[in-house]
Amino acid sequence: MCPMAFNTWLAVAKWLEVTVVFPNSITSHYLYWTNLGIYEKHSQLLRVVWVSVIWSLWLHRNVIIFQQGTIDAKEVLDNIKLRSWKWINCSIPVCSFSYSTWYNNPTLYFL
């Protein structure tokens, strides 16, 4: 895993207040993240966050490669928070919450 991806996963874990491990395969990594939740709702939220991290890293990588962008960890984390919030609000009917609360304290939704 590249340093940017590693640090992004650490930042996401800190944001969600979870302990993180880095399994050897992408499948194991996905299973680890999506099984952090105790309840199905938690697992649904974590699946969306996981996909948001992967997608945000991929898009940022493309900007760096094809548009001569620079590494910006804060921008990537902000995009992860925004994407995951949008996707959760669109795909999980029982979840409807403010972006500012999700951005600053997502753990409220894991209660």
C-alpha atoms as a PDB file:
ATOM      1  CA  MET A   1       0.000   0.000   0.000  1.00  0.00           C
ATOM      2  CA  CYS A   2       1.392   3.404  -0.928  1.00  0.00           C
ATOM      3  CA  PRO A   3       2.026   5.964   1.842  1.00  0.00           C
ATOM      4  CA  MET A   4      -0.850   8.187   0.654  1.00  0.00           C
ATOM      5  CA  ALA A   5      -3.363   5.329   0.822  1.00  0.00           C
ATOM      6  CA  PHE A   6      -1.986   4.139   4.163  1.00  0.00           C
ATOM      7  CA  ASN A   7      -2.248   7.609   5.705  1.00  0.00           C
ATOM      8  CA  THR A   8      -5.728   8.082   4.252  1.00  0.00           C
ATOM      9  CA  TRP A   9      -6.955   4.869   5.868  1.00  0.00           C
ATOM     10  CA  LEU A  10      -5.415   5.970   9.180  1.00  0.00           C
ATOM     11  CA  ALA A  11      -7.186   9.348   8.901  1.00  0.00           C
ATOM     12  CA  VAL A  12     -10.517   7.675   8.130  1.00  0.00           C
ATOM     13  CA  ALA A  13     -10.087   5.329  11.099  1.00  0.00           C
ATOM     14  CA  LYS A  14      -9.371   8.301  13.346  1.00  0.00           C
ATOM     15  CA  TRP A  15     -12.424  10.154  11.970  1.00  0.00           C
ATOM     16  CA  LEU A  16     -14.646   7.119  12.644  1.00  0.00           C
ATOM     17  CA  GLU A  17     -12.904   6.375  15.958  1.00  0.00           C
ATOM     18  CA  VAL A  18     -12.119   2.778  15.036  1.00  0.00           C
ATOM     19  CA  THR A  19      -9.020   0.643  15.326  1.00  0.00           C
ATOM     20  CA  VAL A  20      -7.506  -0.212  11.992  1.00  0.00           C
ATOM     21  CA  VAL A  21      -5.498  -3.170  10.752  1.00  0.00           C
ATOM     22  CA  PHE A  22      -4.160  -3.697   7.268  1.00  0.00           C
ATOM     23  CA  PRO A  23      -4.838  -7.217   5.992  1.00  0.00           C
ATOM     24  CA  ASN A  24      -2.799  -8.583   3.078  1.00  0.00           C
ATOM     25  CA  SER A  25      -5.558  -8.639   0.480  1.00  0.00           C
ATOM     26  CA  ILE A  26      -8.194  -6.179  -0.702  1.00  0.00           C
ATOM     27  CA  THR A  27     -10.899  -8.757   0.055  1.00  0.00           C
ATOM     28  CA  SER A  28      -9.693  -9.169   3.640  1.00  0.00           C
ATOM     29  CA  HIS A  29      -9.456  -5.407   3.999  1.00  0.00           C
ATOM     30  CA  TYR A  30     -13.068  -4.999   2.845  1.00  0.00           C
ATOM     31  CA  LEU A  31     -14.300  -7.761   5.158  1.00  0.00           C
ATOM     32  CA  TYR A  32     -12.439  -6.236   8.099  1.00  0.00           C
ATOM     33  CA  TRP A  33     -13.926  -2.769   7.557  1.00  0.00           C
ATOM     34  CA  THR A  34     -17.454  -3.916   6.882  1.00  0.00           C
ATOM     35  CA  ASN A  35     -17.526  -6.133   9.961  1.00  0.00           C
ATOM     36  CA  LEU A  36     -16.500  -3.419  12.410  1.00  0.00           C
ATOM     37  CA  GLY A  37     -20.143  -2.599  13.053  1.00  0.00           C
ATOM     38  CA  ILE A  38     -22.194  -4.437  15.623  1.00  0.00           C
ATOM     39  CA  TYR A  39     -25.495  -3.923  13.833  1.00  0.00           C
ATOM     40  CA  GLU A  40     -26.469  -4.206  10.158  1.00  0.00           C
ATOM     41  CA  LYS A  41     -26.929  -0.422   9.958  1.00  0.00           C
ATOM     42  CA  HIS A  42     -23.305   0.035  11.048  1.00  0.00           C
ATOM     43  CA  SER A  43     -22.117  -2.441   8.436  1.00  0.00           C
ATOM     44  CA  GLN A  44     -24.072  -0.615   5.729  1.00  0.00           C
ATOM     45  CA  LEU A  45     -22.502   2.708   6.707  1.00  0.00           C
ATOM     46  CA  LEU A  46     -19.028   1.184   6.810  1.00  0.00           C
ATOM     47  CA  ARG A  47     -19.472  -0.434   3.388  1.00  0.00           C
ATOM     48  CA  VAL A  48     -20.318   2.957   1.927  1.00  0.00           C
ATOM     49  CA  VAL A  49     -17.341   4.589   3.648  1.00  0.00           C
ATOM     50  CA  TRP A  50     -15.018   1.821   2.412  1.00  0.00           C
ATOM     51  CA  VAL A  51     -16.116   2.275  -1.203  1.00  0.00           C
ATOM     52  CA  SER A  52     -15.858   6.044  -0.811  1.00  0.00           C
ATOM     53  CA  VAL A  53     -12.240   5.732   0.342  1.00  0.00           C
ATOM     54  CA  ILE A  54     -11.296   3.477  -2.567  1.00  0.00           C
ATOM     55  CA  TRP A  55     -13.066   5.702  -5.109  1.00  0.00           C
ATOM     56  CA  SER A  56     -11.644   8.942  -3.682  1.00  0.00           C
ATOM     57  CA  LEU A  57      -8.101   7.567  -3.715  1.00  0.00           C
ATOM     58  CA  TRP A  58      -8.550   6.382  -7.298  1.00  0.00           C
ATOM     59  CA  LEU A  59      -9.881   9.753  -8.478  1.00  0.00           C
ATOM     60  CA  HIS A  60      -7.107  11.640  -6.678  1.00  0.00           C
ATOM     61  CA  ARG A  61      -4.529   9.333  -8.229  1.00  0.00           C
ATOM     62  CA  ASN A  62      -5.940  10.126 -11.662  1.00  0.00           C
ATOM     63  CA  VAL A  63      -5.705  13.869 -11.020  1.00  0.00           C
ATOM     64  CA  ILE A  64      -2.050  13.462 -10.036  1.00  0.00           C
ATOM     65  CA  ILE A  65      -1.197  11.322 -13.064  1.00  0.00           C
ATOM     66  CA  PHE A  66      -3.275  12.901 -15.813  1.00  0.00           C
ATOM     67  CA  GLN A  67      -3.626  16.515 -14.689  1.00  0.00           C
ATOM     68  CA  GLN A  68      -0.280  16.992 -12.947  1.00  0.00           C
ATOM     69  CA  GLY A  69      -2.020  17.445  -9.593  1.00  0.00           C
ATOM     70  CA  THR A  70      -0.304  17.251  -6.245  1.00  0.00           C
ATOM     71  CA  ILE A  71      -0.904  14.996  -3.275  1.00  0.00           C
ATOM     72  CA  ASP A  72      -3.442  16.613  -0.980  1.00  0.00           C
ATOM     73  CA  ALA A  73      -4.424  14.367   1.917  1.00  0.00           C
ATOM     74  CA  LYS A  74      -6.908  16.865   3.367  1.00  0.00           C
ATOM     75  CA  GLU A  75      -8.728  17.145   0.048  1.00  0.00           C
ATOM     76  CA  VAL A  76      -8.961  13.365  -0.218  1.00  0.00           C
ATOM     77  CA  LEU A  77     -10.347  13.048   3.326  1.00  0.00           C
ATOM     78  CA  ASP A  78     -12.855  15.860   2.704  1.00  0.00           C
ATOM     79  CA  ASN A  79     -13.986  14.126  -0.494  1.00  0.00           C
ATOM     80  CA  ILE A  80     -14.388  10.838   1.368  1.00  0.00           C
ATOM     81  CA  LYS A  81     -16.588  12.509   3.958  1.00  0.00           C
ATOM     82  CA  LEU A  82     -18.710  14.271   1.324  1.00  0.00           C
ATOM     83  CA  ARG A  83     -19.074  11.255  -0.973  1.00  0.00           C
ATOM     84  CA  SER A  84     -19.934   8.876   1.823  1.00  0.00           C
ATOM     85  CA  TRP A  85     -22.532  11.295   3.217  1.00  0.00           C
ATOM     86  CA  LYS A  86     -24.154  11.750  -0.206  1.00  0.00           C
ATOM     87  CA  TRP A  87     -24.145   8.027  -0.944  1.00  0.00           C
ATOM     88  CA  ILE A  88     -25.521   7.103   2.489  1.00  0.00           C
ATOM     89  CA  ASN A  89     -28.334   9.631   2.250  1.00  0.00           C
ATOM     90  CA  CYS A  90     -29.256   8.343  -1.210  1.00  0.00           C
ATOM     91  CA  SER A  91     -28.913   4.613  -0.627  1.00  0.00           C
ATOM     92  CA  ILE A  92     -29.890   3.937   2.983  1.00  0.00           C
ATOM     93  CA  PRO A  93     -33.442   5.189   3.566  1.00  0.00           C
ATOM     94  CA  VAL A  94     -33.284   5.065   7.366  1.00  0.00           C
ATOM     95  CA  CYS A  95     -30.253   7.367   7.382  1.00  0.00           C
ATOM     96  CA  SER A  96     -30.938  11.024   6.938  1.00  0.00           C
ATOM     97  CA  PHE A  97     -28.626  13.401   8.705  1.00  0.00           C
ATOM     98  CA  SER A  98     -26.810  16.683   8.286  1.00  0.00           C
ATOM     99  CA  TYR A  99     -23.507  16.883   6.491  1.00  0.00           C
ATOM    100  CA  SER A 100     -21.913  18.991   9.220  1.00  0.00           C
ATOM    101  CA  THR A 101     -22.702  16.366  11.851  1.00  0.00           C
ATOM    102  CA  TRP A 102     -21.423  13.553   9.608  1.00  0.00           C
ATOM    103  CA  TYR A 103     -18.257  15.535   8.830  1.00  0.00           C
ATOM    104  CA  ASN A 104     -17.474  16.386  12.451  1.00  0.00           C
ATOM    105  CA  ASN A 105     -18.894  13.484  14.440  1.00  0.00           C
ATOM    106  CA  PRO A 106     -19.904  10.443  12.376  1.00  0.00           C
ATOM    107  CA  THR A 107     -19.837   8.203  15.432  1.00  0.00           C
ATOM    108  CA  LEU A 108     -23.234   9.611  16.440  1.00  0.00           C
ATOM    109  CA  TYR A 109     -24.687   7.425  13.694  1.00  0.00           C
ATOM    110  CA  PHE A 110     -23.118   4.281  15.081  1.00  0.00           C
ATOM    111  CA  LEU A 111     -25.025   4.432  18.372  1.00  0.00           C
END
